[in-house]
Amino acid sequence: MQIGWRDRLTPTAVGIVSRAWVMREVAGRVADEAQHARLVDALAAYEPPRRHGLRNNFIFWIGVLSAATLSRLVGLPGWTGFVAALLGFLWVARELAVRALRWRLDQLLAGEGPESDTSGT
């Protein structure tokens, strides 16, 4: 499969991982070209179950506002702490999304098809 610029800009259902990343991951783990398109489509459409939304939202806002306050206390502009915390949370979110997609790819390669998907979608 050829990875184009559209694939680099197209997000998956997770949102923070591009379709190009999914295509590279599938190409690196599956040798059969016939399965590539099916696996890429299944992974791009996969959305892990969401849990603890209110708690995560609370942790995010407390984290970024605390970082902004701490940066003002040390003499930096408040936005620098906010941006640093935001980038940290984005990095964690991407790592969790990558782990979820790799876990789903392992499931698909083990023979569990989309009919065994329990995410409710």
PDB file of N, CA and C in Angstrom:
ATOM      1  N   MET A   1       0.824  -1.185   0.000  1.00  0.00           N
ATOM      2  CA  MET A   1       0.000   0.000   0.000  1.00  0.00           C
ATOM      3  C   MET A   1       0.866   1.246   0.000  1.00  0.00           C
ATOM      4  N   GLN A   2       0.534   2.152  -0.846  1.00  0.00           N
ATOM      5  CA  GLN A   2       1.250   3.416  -0.948  1.00  0.00           C
ATOM      6  C   GLN A   2       0.654   4.419   0.038  1.00  0.00           C
ATOM      7  N   ILE A   3       1.497   5.046   0.861  1.00  0.00           N
ATOM      8  CA  ILE A   3       1.045   6.039   1.827  1.00  0.00           C
ATOM      9  C   ILE A   3       1.169   7.413   1.180  1.00  0.00           C
ATOM     10  N   GLY A   4       0.036   8.099   1.060  1.00  0.00           N
ATOM     11  CA  GLY A   4       0.023   9.421   0.445  1.00  0.00           C
ATOM     12  C   GLY A   4      -0.150  10.523   1.487  1.00  0.00           C
ATOM     13  N   TRP A   5      -0.166  11.748   1.007  1.00  0.00           N
ATOM     14  CA  TRP A   5      -0.301  12.871   1.917  1.00  0.00           C
ATOM     15  C   TRP A   5      -1.670  12.912   2.559  1.00  0.00           C
ATOM     16  N   ARG A   6      -2.692  12.415   1.861  1.00  0.00           N
ATOM     17  CA  ARG A   6      -4.033  12.359   2.455  1.00  0.00           C
ATOM     18  C   ARG A   6      -4.068  11.421   3.655  1.00  0.00           C
ATOM     19  N   ASP A   7      -3.342  10.320   3.552  1.00  0.00           N
ATOM     20  CA  ASP A   7      -3.296   9.373   4.663  1.00  0.00           C
ATOM     21  C   ASP A   7      -2.620   9.992   5.882  1.00  0.00           C
ATOM     22  N   ARG A   8      -1.643  10.834   5.652  1.00  0.00           N
ATOM     23  CA  ARG A   8      -0.961  11.495   6.770  1.00  0.00           C
ATOM     24  C   ARG A   8      -1.858  12.518   7.459  1.00  0.00           C
ATOM     25  N   LEU A   9      -2.809  13.084   6.728  1.00  0.00           N
ATOM     26  CA  LEU A   9      -3.704  14.095   7.280  1.00  0.00           C
ATOM     27  C   LEU A   9      -5.033  13.536   7.765  1.00  0.00           C
ATOM     28  N   THR A  10      -5.364  12.306   7.381  1.00  0.00           N
ATOM     29  CA  THR A  10      -6.646  11.715   7.757  1.00  0.00           C
ATOM     30  C   THR A  10      -6.537  11.045   9.117  1.00  0.00           C
ATOM     31  N   PRO A  11      -7.333  11.512  10.086  1.00  0.00           N
ATOM     32  CA  PRO A  11      -7.291  10.863  11.404  1.00  0.00           C
ATOM     33  C   PRO A  11      -8.118   9.581  11.407  1.00  0.00           C
ATOM     34  N   THR A  12      -7.802   8.720  12.343  1.00  0.00           N
ATOM     35  CA  THR A  12      -8.601   7.520  12.549  1.00  0.00           C
ATOM     36  C   THR A  12      -9.756   7.877  13.484  1.00  0.00           C
ATOM     37  N   ALA A  13     -10.562   6.898  13.856  1.00  0.00           N
ATOM     38  CA  ALA A  13     -11.660   7.148  14.782  1.00  0.00           C
ATOM     39  C   ALA A  13     -11.138   7.574  16.151  1.00  0.00           C
ATOM     40  N   VAL A  14      -9.923   7.178  16.494  1.00  0.00           N
ATOM     41  CA  VAL A  14      -9.311   7.597  17.755  1.00  0.00           C
ATOM     42  C   VAL A  14      -9.036   9.090  17.722  1.00  0.00           C
ATOM     43  N   GLY A  15      -8.675   9.621  16.565  1.00  0.00           N
ATOM     44  CA  GLY A  15      -8.529  11.048  16.394  1.00  0.00           C
ATOM     45  C   GLY A  15      -7.112  11.578  16.446  1.00  0.00           C
ATOM     46  N   ILE A  16      -6.273  11.036  17.261  1.00  0.00           N
ATOM     47  CA  ILE A  16      -4.930  11.588  17.448  1.00  0.00           C
ATOM     48  C   ILE A  16      -3.870  10.763  16.708  1.00  0.00           C
ATOM     49  N   VAL A  17      -4.297   9.720  16.028  1.00  0.00           N
ATOM     50  CA  VAL A  17      -3.406   8.856  15.257  1.00  0.00           C
ATOM     51  C   VAL A  17      -3.861   8.919  13.799  1.00  0.00           C
ATOM     52  N   SER A  18      -2.905   9.089  12.885  1.00  0.00           N
ATOM     53  CA  SER A  18      -3.254   9.216  11.471  1.00  0.00           C
ATOM     54  C   SER A  18      -3.429   7.846  10.820  1.00  0.00           C
ATOM     55  N   ARG A  19      -4.094   7.883   9.684  1.00  0.00           N
ATOM     56  CA  ARG A  19      -4.277   6.660   8.904  1.00  0.00           C
ATOM     57  C   ARG A  19      -2.933   6.148   8.392  1.00  0.00           C
ATOM     58  N   ALA A  20      -1.995   7.035   8.130  1.00  0.00           N
ATOM     59  CA  ALA A  20      -0.660   6.626   7.658  1.00  0.00           C
ATOM     60  C   ALA A  20       0.046   5.795   8.722  1.00  0.00           C
ATOM     61  N   TRP A  21      -0.100   6.153   9.994  1.00  0.00           N
ATOM     62  CA  TRP A  21       0.514   5.360  11.061  1.00  0.00           C
ATOM     63  C   TRP A  21      -0.070   3.954  11.064  1.00  0.00           C
ATOM     64  N   VAL A  22      -1.398   3.861  10.892  1.00  0.00           N
ATOM     65  CA  VAL A  22      -2.063   2.552  10.864  1.00  0.00           C
ATOM     66  C   VAL A  22      -1.554   1.738   9.681  1.00  0.00           C
ATOM     67  N   MET A  23      -1.400   2.378   8.543  1.00  0.00           N
ATOM     68  CA  MET A  23      -0.925   1.663   7.358  1.00  0.00           C
ATOM     69  C   MET A  23       0.502   1.148   7.556  1.00  0.00           C
ATOM     70  N   ARG A  24       1.359   1.956   8.167  1.00  0.00           N
ATOM     71  CA  ARG A  24       2.738   1.508   8.444  1.00  0.00           C
ATOM     72  C   ARG A  24       2.759   0.371   9.448  1.00  0.00           C
ATOM     73  N   GLU A  25       1.928   0.449  10.463  1.00  0.00           N
ATOM     74  CA  GLU A  25       1.887  -0.595  11.487  1.00  0.00           C
ATOM     75  C   GLU A  25       1.412  -1.921  10.890  1.00  0.00           C
ATOM     76  N   VAL A  26       0.383  -1.870  10.061  1.00  0.00           N
ATOM     77  CA  VAL A  26      -0.131  -3.094   9.428  1.00  0.00           C
ATOM     78  C   VAL A  26       0.910  -3.648   8.458  1.00  0.00           C
ATOM     79  N   ALA A  27       1.544  -2.790   7.674  1.00  0.00           N
ATOM     80  CA  ALA A  27       2.550  -3.255   6.712  1.00  0.00           C
ATOM     81  C   ALA A  27       3.744  -3.881   7.419  1.00  0.00           C
ATOM     82  N   GLY A  28       4.077  -3.390   8.589  1.00  0.00           N
ATOM     83  CA  GLY A  28       5.205  -3.935   9.326  1.00  0.00           C
ATOM     84  C   GLY A  28       4.918  -5.250  10.019  1.00  0.00           C
ATOM     85  N   ARG A  29       3.649  -5.573  10.220  1.00  0.00           N
ATOM     86  CA  ARG A  29       3.305  -6.784  10.962  1.00  0.00           C
ATOM     87  C   ARG A  29       2.644  -7.858  10.122  1.00  0.00           C
ATOM     88  N   VAL A  30       2.130  -7.500   8.947  1.00  0.00           N
ATOM     89  CA  VAL A  30       1.409  -8.467   8.108  1.00  0.00           C
ATOM     90  C   VAL A  30       2.085  -8.518   6.744  1.00  0.00           C
ATOM     91  N   ALA A  31       2.454  -9.710   6.332  1.00  0.00           N
ATOM     92  CA  ALA A  31       3.126  -9.870   5.045  1.00  0.00           C
ATOM     93  C   ALA A  31       2.149 -10.023   3.889  1.00  0.00           C
ATOM     94  N   ASP A  32       0.937 -10.470   4.163  1.00  0.00           N
ATOM     95  CA  ASP A  32      -0.052 -10.735   3.122  1.00  0.00           C
ATOM     96  C   ASP A  32      -0.692  -9.425   2.663  1.00  0.00           C
ATOM     97  N   GLU A  33      -0.463  -9.054   1.400  1.00  0.00           N
ATOM     98  CA  GLU A  33      -1.020  -7.811   0.844  1.00  0.00           C
ATOM     99  C   GLU A  33      -2.546  -7.829   0.790  1.00  0.00           C
ATOM    100  N   ALA A  34      -3.135  -9.011   0.678  1.00  0.00           N
ATOM    101  CA  ALA A  34      -4.590  -9.103   0.578  1.00  0.00           C
ATOM    102  C   ALA A  34      -5.273  -8.677   1.871  1.00  0.00           C
ATOM    103  N   GLN A  35      -4.618  -8.867   2.989  1.00  0.00           N
ATOM    104  CA  GLN A  35      -5.214  -8.499   4.277  1.00  0.00           C
ATOM    105  C   GLN A  35      -5.003  -7.040   4.644  1.00  0.00           C
ATOM    106  N   HIS A  36      -4.066  -6.366   4.005  1.00  0.00           N
ATOM    107  CA  HIS A  36      -3.716  -4.997   4.398  1.00  0.00           C
ATOM    108  C   HIS A  36      -4.915  -4.060   4.404  1.00  0.00           C
ATOM    109  N   ALA A  37      -5.663  -4.023   3.296  1.00  0.00           N
ATOM    110  CA  ALA A  37      -6.782  -3.085   3.192  1.00  0.00           C
ATOM    111  C   ALA A  37      -7.844  -3.379   4.250  1.00  0.00           C
ATOM    112  N   ARG A  38      -8.132  -4.645   4.468  1.00  0.00           N
ATOM    113  CA  ARG A  38      -9.147  -5.010   5.465  1.00  0.00           C
ATOM    114  C   ARG A  38      -8.706  -4.607   6.868  1.00  0.00           C
ATOM    115  N   LEU A  39      -7.453  -4.885   7.202  1.00  0.00           N
ATOM    116  CA  LEU A  39      -6.957  -4.552   8.535  1.00  0.00           C
ATOM    117  C   LEU A  39      -6.836  -3.045   8.742  1.00  0.00           C
ATOM    118  N   VAL A  40      -6.403  -2.330   7.717  1.00  0.00           N
ATOM    119  CA  VAL A  40      -6.300  -0.870   7.838  1.00  0.00           C
ATOM    120  C   VAL A  40      -7.681  -0.261   8.053  1.00  0.00           C
ATOM    121  N   ASP A  41      -8.671  -0.717   7.292  1.00  0.00           N
ATOM    122  CA  ASP A  41     -10.023  -0.193   7.465  1.00  0.00           C
ATOM    123  C   ASP A  41     -10.592  -0.528   8.843  1.00  0.00           C
ATOM    124  N   ALA A  42     -10.331  -1.749   9.307  1.00  0.00           N
ATOM    125  CA  ALA A  42     -10.835  -2.150  10.624  1.00  0.00           C
ATOM    126  C   ALA A  42     -10.174  -1.341  11.734  1.00  0.00           C
ATOM    127  N   LEU A  43      -8.882  -1.102  11.624  1.00  0.00           N
ATOM    128  CA  LEU A  43      -8.195  -0.327  12.657  1.00  0.00           C
ATOM    129  C   LEU A  43      -8.550   1.151  12.595  1.00  0.00           C
ATOM    130  N   ALA A  44      -8.704   1.693  11.407  1.00  0.00           N
ATOM    131  CA  ALA A  44      -9.051   3.108  11.284  1.00  0.00           C
ATOM    132  C   ALA A  44     -10.447   3.386  11.844  1.00  0.00           C
ATOM    133  N   ALA A  45     -11.331   2.409  11.766  1.00  0.00           N
ATOM    134  CA  ALA A  45     -12.690   2.591  12.269  1.00  0.00           C
ATOM    135  C   ALA A  45     -12.834   2.216  13.744  1.00  0.00           C
ATOM    136  N   TYR A  46     -11.817   1.587  14.314  1.00  0.00           N
ATOM    137  CA  TYR A  46     -11.907   1.135  15.707  1.00  0.00           C
ATOM    138  C   TYR A  46     -11.847   2.314  16.677  1.00  0.00           C
ATOM    139  N   GLU A  47     -12.763   2.309  17.594  1.00  0.00           N
ATOM    140  CA  GLU A  47     -12.786   3.313  18.654  1.00  0.00           C
ATOM    141  C   GLU A  47     -12.871   2.587  19.985  1.00  0.00           C
ATOM    142  N   PRO A  48     -11.833   2.709  20.803  1.00  0.00           N
ATOM    143  CA  PRO A  48     -11.856   2.003  22.089  1.00  0.00           C
ATOM    144  C   PRO A  48     -12.989   2.521  22.968  1.00  0.00           C
ATOM    145  N   PRO A  49     -13.478   1.669  23.867  1.00  0.00           N
ATOM    146  CA  PRO A  49     -14.533   2.134  24.772  1.00  0.00           C
ATOM    147  C   PRO A  49     -14.018   3.276  25.646  1.00  0.00           C
ATOM    148  N   ARG A  50     -14.858   4.256  25.853  1.00  0.00           N
ATOM    149  CA  ARG A  50     -14.467   5.404  26.669  1.00  0.00           C
ATOM    150  C   ARG A  50     -14.973   5.211  28.084  1.00  0.00           C
ATOM    151  N   ARG A  51     -14.071   5.461  29.025  1.00  0.00           N
ATOM    152  CA  ARG A  51     -14.420   5.318  30.434  1.00  0.00           C
ATOM    153  C   ARG A  51     -13.852   6.492  31.204  1.00  0.00           C
ATOM    154  N   HIS A  52     -14.477   6.834  32.293  1.00  0.00           N
ATOM    155  CA  HIS A  52     -13.991   7.841  33.227  1.00  0.00           C
ATOM    156  C   HIS A  52     -13.826   9.205  32.564  1.00  0.00           C
ATOM    157  N   GLY A  53     -14.770   9.609  31.733  1.00  0.00           N
ATOM    158  CA  GLY A  53     -14.668  10.879  31.023  1.00  0.00           C
ATOM    159  C   GLY A  53     -14.646  12.085  31.944  1.00  0.00           C
ATOM    160  N   LEU A  54     -15.507  12.106  32.946  1.00  0.00           N
ATOM    161  CA  LEU A  54     -15.553  13.241  33.859  1.00  0.00           C
ATOM    162  C   LEU A  54     -14.272  13.332  34.683  1.00  0.00           C
ATOM    163  N   ARG A  55     -13.785  12.202  35.144  1.00  0.00           N
ATOM    164  CA  ARG A  55     -12.547  12.181  35.914  1.00  0.00           C
ATOM    165  C   ARG A  55     -11.367  12.649  35.080  1.00  0.00           C
ATOM    166  N   ASN A  56     -11.274  12.168  33.849  1.00  0.00           N
ATOM    167  CA  ASN A  56     -10.174  12.559  32.973  1.00  0.00           C
ATOM    168  C   ASN A  56     -10.234  14.044  32.634  1.00  0.00           C
ATOM    169  N   ASN A  57     -11.431  14.552  32.411  1.00  0.00           N
ATOM    170  CA  ASN A  57     -11.611  15.971  32.128  1.00  0.00           C
ATOM    171  C   ASN A  57     -11.160  16.804  33.322  1.00  0.00           C
ATOM    172  N   PHE A  58     -11.509  16.386  34.515  1.00  0.00           N
ATOM    173  CA  PHE A  58     -11.115  17.075  35.735  1.00  0.00           C
ATOM    174  C   PHE A  58      -9.590  17.058  35.894  1.00  0.00           C
ATOM    175  N   ILE A  59      -8.975  15.917  35.677  1.00  0.00           N
ATOM    176  CA  ILE A  59      -7.519  15.799  35.788  1.00  0.00           C
ATOM    177  C   ILE A  59      -6.828  16.716  34.776  1.00  0.00           C
ATOM    178  N   PHE A  60      -7.348  16.768  33.560  1.00  0.00           N
ATOM    179  CA  PHE A  60      -6.754  17.623  32.534  1.00  0.00           C
ATOM    180  C   PHE A  60      -6.797  19.082  32.943  1.00  0.00           C
ATOM    181  N   TRP A  61      -7.979  19.567  33.306  1.00  0.00           N
ATOM    182  CA  TRP A  61      -8.100  20.992  33.628  1.00  0.00           C
ATOM    183  C   TRP A  61      -7.325  21.370  34.876  1.00  0.00           C
ATOM    184  N   ILE A  62      -7.330  20.530  35.879  1.00  0.00           N
ATOM    185  CA  ILE A  62      -6.528  20.817  37.070  1.00  0.00           C
ATOM    186  C   ILE A  62      -5.051  20.835  36.704  1.00  0.00           C
ATOM    187  N   GLY A  63      -4.624  19.918  35.843  1.00  0.00           N
ATOM    188  CA  GLY A  63      -3.218  19.848  35.436  1.00  0.00           C
ATOM    189  C   GLY A  63      -2.759  21.066  34.663  1.00  0.00           C
ATOM    190  N   VAL A  64      -3.529  21.477  33.651  1.00  0.00           N
ATOM    191  CA  VAL A  64      -3.085  22.613  32.839  1.00  0.00           C
ATOM    192  C   VAL A  64      -3.191  23.924  33.599  1.00  0.00           C
ATOM    193  N   LEU A  65      -4.218  24.091  34.415  1.00  0.00           N
ATOM    194  CA  LEU A  65      -4.335  25.330  35.193  1.00  0.00           C
ATOM    195  C   LEU A  65      -3.271  25.397  36.288  1.00  0.00           C
ATOM    196  N   SER A  66      -2.945  24.268  36.876  1.00  0.00           N
ATOM    197  CA  SER A  66      -1.870  24.243  37.877  1.00  0.00           C
ATOM    198  C   SER A  66      -0.524  24.544  37.239  1.00  0.00           C
ATOM    199  N   ALA A  67      -0.285  24.022  36.063  1.00  0.00           N
ATOM    200  CA  ALA A  67       0.970  24.302  35.364  1.00  0.00           C
ATOM    201  C   ALA A  67       1.059  25.781  34.995  1.00  0.00           C
ATOM    202  N   ALA A  68      -0.052  26.383  34.606  1.00  0.00           N
ATOM    203  CA  ALA A  68      -0.058  27.812  34.294  1.00  0.00           C
ATOM    204  C   ALA A  68       0.227  28.636  35.546  1.00  0.00           C
ATOM    205  N   THR A  69      -0.357  28.241  36.662  1.00  0.00           N
ATOM    206  CA  THR A  69      -0.119  28.948  37.920  1.00  0.00           C
ATOM    207  C   THR A  69       1.331  28.795  38.373  1.00  0.00           C
ATOM    208  N   LEU A  70       1.864  27.596  38.274  1.00  0.00           N
ATOM    209  CA  LEU A  70       3.258  27.373  38.667  1.00  0.00           C
ATOM    210  C   LEU A  70       4.234  28.146  37.786  1.00  0.00           C
ATOM    211  N   SER A  71       3.943  28.235  36.512  1.00  0.00           N
ATOM    212  CA  SER A  71       4.845  28.981  35.632  1.00  0.00           C
ATOM    213  C   SER A  71       4.809  30.468  35.967  1.00  0.00           C
ATOM    214  N   ARG A  72       3.662  30.987  36.376  1.00  0.00           N
ATOM    215  CA  ARG A  72       3.597  32.394  36.803  1.00  0.00           C
ATOM    216  C   ARG A  72       4.341  32.603  38.102  1.00  0.00           C
ATOM    217  N   LEU A  73       4.327  31.602  38.978  1.00  0.00           N
ATOM    218  CA  LEU A  73       5.043  31.730  40.254  1.00  0.00           C
ATOM    219  C   LEU A  73       6.558  31.787  40.063  1.00  0.00           C
ATOM    220  N   VAL A  74       7.063  31.143  39.030  1.00  0.00           N
ATOM    221  CA  VAL A  74       8.507  31.155  38.791  1.00  0.00           C
ATOM    222  C   VAL A  74       8.919  32.291  37.859  1.00  0.00           C
ATOM    223  N   GLY A  75       7.982  33.126  37.470  1.00  0.00           N
ATOM    224  CA  GLY A  75       8.308  34.303  36.675  1.00  0.00           C
ATOM    225  C   GLY A  75       8.112  34.174  35.184  1.00  0.00           C
ATOM    226  N   LEU A  76       7.567  33.078  34.725  1.00  0.00           N
ATOM    227  CA  LEU A  76       7.294  32.893  33.295  1.00  0.00           C
ATOM    228  C   LEU A  76       5.852  33.283  33.003  1.00  0.00           C
ATOM    229  N   PRO A  77       5.541  33.566  31.754  1.00  0.00           N
ATOM    230  CA  PRO A  77       4.131  33.814  31.415  1.00  0.00           C
ATOM    231  C   PRO A  77       3.286  32.560  31.675  1.00  0.00           C
ATOM    232  N   GLY A  78       2.050  32.757  32.075  1.00  0.00           N
ATOM    233  CA  GLY A  78       1.177  31.630  32.408  1.00  0.00           C
ATOM    234  C   GLY A  78       0.916  30.691  31.250  1.00  0.00           C
ATOM    235  N   TRP A  79       0.906  31.229  30.032  1.00  0.00           N
ATOM    236  CA  TRP A  79       0.598  30.375  28.888  1.00  0.00           C
ATOM    237  C   TRP A  79       1.682  29.331  28.635  1.00  0.00           C
ATOM    238  N   THR A  80       2.921  29.600  29.067  1.00  0.00           N
ATOM    239  CA  THR A  80       3.980  28.608  28.833  1.00  0.00           C
ATOM    240  C   THR A  80       3.725  27.330  29.625  1.00  0.00           C
ATOM    241  N   GLY A  81       3.291  27.463  30.865  1.00  0.00           N
ATOM    242  CA  GLY A  81       2.949  26.285  31.662  1.00  0.00           C
ATOM    243  C   GLY A  81       1.742  25.567  31.104  1.00  0.00           C
ATOM    244  N   PHE A  82       0.751  26.345  30.644  1.00  0.00           N
ATOM    245  CA  PHE A  82      -0.452  25.763  30.054  1.00  0.00           C
ATOM    246  C   PHE A  82      -0.092  24.947  28.813  1.00  0.00           C
ATOM    247  N   VAL A  83       0.727  25.521  27.942  1.00  0.00           N
ATOM    248  CA  VAL A  83       1.110  24.837  26.697  1.00  0.00           C
ATOM    249  C   VAL A  83       1.958  23.608  26.996  1.00  0.00           C
ATOM    250  N   ALA A  84       2.860  23.711  27.962  1.00  0.00           N
ATOM    251  CA  ALA A  84       3.697  22.557  28.317  1.00  0.00           C
ATOM    252  C   ALA A  84       2.840  21.409  28.844  1.00  0.00           C
ATOM    253  N   ALA A  85       1.880  21.728  29.719  1.00  0.00           N
ATOM    254  CA  ALA A  85       0.992  20.685  30.241  1.00  0.00           C
ATOM    255  C   ALA A  85       0.104  20.123  29.140  1.00  0.00           C
ATOM    256  N   LEU A  86      -0.377  20.982  28.251  1.00  0.00           N
ATOM    257  CA  LEU A  86      -1.209  20.528  27.130  1.00  0.00           C
ATOM    258  C   LEU A  86      -0.441  19.556  26.247  1.00  0.00           C
ATOM    259  N   LEU A  87       0.811  19.886  25.930  1.00  0.00           N
ATOM    260  CA  LEU A  87       1.629  18.985  25.118  1.00  0.00           C
ATOM    261  C   LEU A  87       1.892  17.663  25.842  1.00  0.00           C
ATOM    262  N   GLY A  88       2.069  17.718  27.153  1.00  0.00           N
ATOM    263  CA  GLY A  88       2.241  16.494  27.936  1.00  0.00           C
ATOM    264  C   GLY A  88       1.007  15.608  27.890  1.00  0.00           C
ATOM    265  N   PHE A  89      -0.166  16.221  28.034  1.00  0.00           N
ATOM    266  CA  PHE A  89      -1.401  15.442  27.965  1.00  0.00           C
ATOM    267  C   PHE A  89      -1.637  14.883  26.570  1.00  0.00           C
ATOM    268  N   LEU A  90      -1.286  15.638  25.533  1.00  0.00           N
ATOM    269  CA  LEU A  90      -1.406  15.118  24.168  1.00  0.00           C
ATOM    270  C   LEU A  90      -0.481  13.936  23.928  1.00  0.00           C
ATOM    271  N   TRP A  91       0.729  14.006  24.470  1.00  0.00           N
ATOM    272  CA  TRP A  91       1.668  12.897  24.329  1.00  0.00           C
ATOM    273  C   TRP A  91       1.109  11.643  25.008  1.00  0.00           C
ATOM    274  N   VAL A  92       0.564  11.787  26.220  1.00  0.00           N
ATOM    275  CA  VAL A  92      -0.012  10.639  26.933  1.00  0.00           C
ATOM    276  C   VAL A  92      -1.207  10.084  26.158  1.00  0.00           C
ATOM    277  N   ALA A  93      -2.055  10.967  25.634  1.00  0.00           N
ATOM    278  CA  ALA A  93      -3.229  10.520  24.875  1.00  0.00           C
ATOM    279  C   ALA A  93      -2.814   9.747  23.628  1.00  0.00           C
ATOM    280  N   ARG A  94      -1.783  10.212  22.942  1.00  0.00           N
ATOM    281  CA  ARG A  94      -1.324   9.497  21.747  1.00  0.00           C
ATOM    282  C   ARG A  94      -0.757   8.136  22.103  1.00  0.00           C
ATOM    283  N   GLU A  95       0.030   8.068  23.178  1.00  0.00           N
ATOM    284  CA  GLU A  95       0.582   6.782  23.604  1.00  0.00           C
ATOM    285  C   GLU A  95      -0.535   5.795  23.954  1.00  0.00           C
ATOM    286  N   LEU A  96      -1.567   6.256  24.629  1.00  0.00           N
ATOM    287  CA  LEU A  96      -2.684   5.370  24.968  1.00  0.00           C
ATOM    288  C   LEU A  96      -3.445   4.937  23.716  1.00  0.00           C
ATOM    289  N   ALA A  97      -3.609   5.848  22.756  1.00  0.00           N
ATOM    290  CA  ALA A  97      -4.291   5.494  21.508  1.00  0.00           C
ATOM    291  C   ALA A  97      -3.482   4.468  20.714  1.00  0.00           C
ATOM    292  N   VAL A  98      -2.171   4.639  20.678  1.00  0.00           N
ATOM    293  CA  VAL A  98      -1.304   3.691  19.965  1.00  0.00           C
ATOM    294  C   VAL A  98      -1.388   2.312  20.623  1.00  0.00           C
ATOM    295  N   ARG A  99      -1.355   2.275  21.941  1.00  0.00           N
ATOM    296  CA  ARG A  99      -1.482   0.986  22.632  1.00  0.00           C
ATOM    297  C   ARG A  99      -2.817   0.316  22.337  1.00  0.00           C
ATOM    298  N   ALA A 100      -3.894   1.098  22.319  1.00  0.00           N
ATOM    299  CA  ALA A 100      -5.212   0.528  22.030  1.00  0.00           C
ATOM    300  C   ALA A 100      -5.276  -0.013  20.605  1.00  0.00           C
ATOM    301  N   LEU A 101      -4.696   0.710  19.647  1.00  0.00           N
ATOM    302  CA  LEU A 101      -4.721   0.239  18.265  1.00  0.00           C
ATOM    303  C   LEU A 101      -3.846  -0.994  18.073  1.00  0.00           C
ATOM    304  N   ARG A 102      -2.699  -1.034  18.737  1.00  0.00           N
ATOM    305  CA  ARG A 102      -1.857  -2.239  18.645  1.00  0.00           C
ATOM    306  C   ARG A 102      -2.546  -3.432  19.289  1.00  0.00           C
ATOM    307  N   TRP A 103      -3.249  -3.210  20.382  1.00  0.00           N
ATOM    308  CA  TRP A 103      -3.990  -4.290  21.039  1.00  0.00           C
ATOM    309  C   TRP A 103      -5.079  -4.816  20.105  1.00  0.00           C
ATOM    310  N   ARG A 104      -5.788  -3.894  19.427  1.00  0.00           N
ATOM    311  CA  ARG A 104      -6.850  -4.307  18.509  1.00  0.00           C
ATOM    312  C   ARG A 104      -6.265  -5.050  17.306  1.00  0.00           C
ATOM    313  N   LEU A 105      -5.101  -4.606  16.825  1.00  0.00           N
ATOM    314  CA  LEU A 105      -4.457  -5.301  15.716  1.00  0.00           C
ATOM    315  C   LEU A 105      -4.065  -6.716  16.138  1.00  0.00           C
ATOM    316  N   ASP A 106      -3.561  -6.873  17.342  1.00  0.00           N
ATOM    317  CA  ASP A 106      -3.250  -8.212  17.852  1.00  0.00           C
ATOM    318  C   ASP A 106      -4.494  -9.083  17.888  1.00  0.00           C
ATOM    319  N   GLN A 107      -5.626  -8.502  18.305  1.00  0.00           N
ATOM    320  CA  GLN A 107      -6.880  -9.255  18.319  1.00  0.00           C
ATOM    321  C   GLN A 107      -7.289  -9.673  16.918  1.00  0.00           C
ATOM    322  N   LEU A 108      -7.208  -8.748  15.968  1.00  0.00           N
ATOM    323  CA  LEU A 108      -7.602  -9.063  14.590  1.00  0.00           C
ATOM    324  C   LEU A 108      -6.683 -10.120  13.982  1.00  0.00           C
ATOM    325  N   LEU A 109      -5.398 -10.055  14.287  1.00  0.00           N
ATOM    326  CA  LEU A 109      -4.464 -11.045  13.747  1.00  0.00           C
ATOM    327  C   LEU A 109      -4.633 -12.407  14.412  1.00  0.00           C
ATOM    328  N   ALA A 110      -5.151 -12.430  15.636  1.00  0.00           N
ATOM    329  CA  ALA A 110      -5.365 -13.695  16.331  1.00  0.00           C
ATOM    330  C   ALA A 110      -6.638 -14.388  15.846  1.00  0.00           C
ATOM    331  N   GLY A 111      -7.394 -13.732  14.986  1.00  0.00           N
ATOM    332  CA  GLY A 111      -8.576 -14.376  14.435  1.00  0.00           C
ATOM    333  C   GLY A 111      -9.886 -13.857  14.969  1.00  0.00           C
ATOM    334  N   GLU A 112      -9.838 -12.901  15.862  1.00  0.00           N
ATOM    335  CA  GLU A 112     -11.087 -12.328  16.355  1.00  0.00           C
ATOM    336  C   GLU A 112     -11.515 -11.258  15.380  1.00  0.00           C
ATOM    337  N   GLY A 113     -12.619 -11.496  14.722  1.00  0.00           N
ATOM    338  CA  GLY A 113     -13.088 -10.564  13.711  1.00  0.00           C
ATOM    339  C   GLY A 113     -13.905  -9.436  14.292  1.00  0.00           C
ATOM    340  N   PRO A 114     -14.392  -8.558  13.423  1.00  0.00           N
ATOM    341  CA  PRO A 114     -15.196  -7.428  13.871  1.00  0.00           C
ATOM    342  C   PRO A 114     -16.488  -7.843  14.561  1.00  0.00           C
ATOM    343  N   GLU A 115     -16.945  -9.070  14.287  1.00  0.00           N
ATOM    344  CA  GLU A 115     -18.184  -9.519  14.930  1.00  0.00           C
ATOM    345  C   GLU A 115     -17.983  -9.754  16.421  1.00  0.00           C
ATOM    346  N   SER A 116     -16.742  -9.886  16.868  1.00  0.00           N
ATOM    347  CA  SER A 116     -16.487 -10.086  18.298  1.00  0.00           C
ATOM    348  C   SER A 116     -16.205  -8.758  19.005  1.00  0.00           C
ATOM    349  N   ASP A 117     -16.383  -7.645  18.298  1.00  0.00           N
ATOM    350  CA  ASP A 117     -16.125  -6.329  18.877  1.00  0.00           C
ATOM    351  C   ASP A 117     -17.171  -6.037  19.938  1.00  0.00           C
ATOM    352  N   THR A 118     -16.722  -5.746  21.145  1.00  0.00           N
ATOM    353  CA  THR A 118     -17.640  -5.470  22.247  1.00  0.00           C
ATOM    354  C   THR A 118     -17.656  -4.000  22.621  1.00  0.00           C
ATOM    355  N   SER A 119     -17.137  -3.123  21.768  1.00  0.00           N
ATOM    356  CA  SER A 119     -17.092  -1.700  22.091  1.00  0.00           C
ATOM    357  C   SER A 119     -18.434  -1.027  21.922  1.00  0.00           C
ATOM    358  N   GLY A 120     -19.406  -1.698  21.335  1.00  0.00           N
ATOM    359  CA  GLY A 120     -20.732  -1.138  21.192  1.00  0.00           C
ATOM    360  C   GLY A 120     -20.933  -0.365  19.916  1.00  0.00           C
ATOM    361  N   THR A 121     -19.954  -0.358  19.018  1.00  0.00           N
ATOM    362  CA  THR A 121     -20.112   0.371  17.768  1.00  0.00           C
ATOM    363  C   THR A 121     -20.319  -0.571  16.630  1.00  0.00           C
TER     364      THR A 121
END
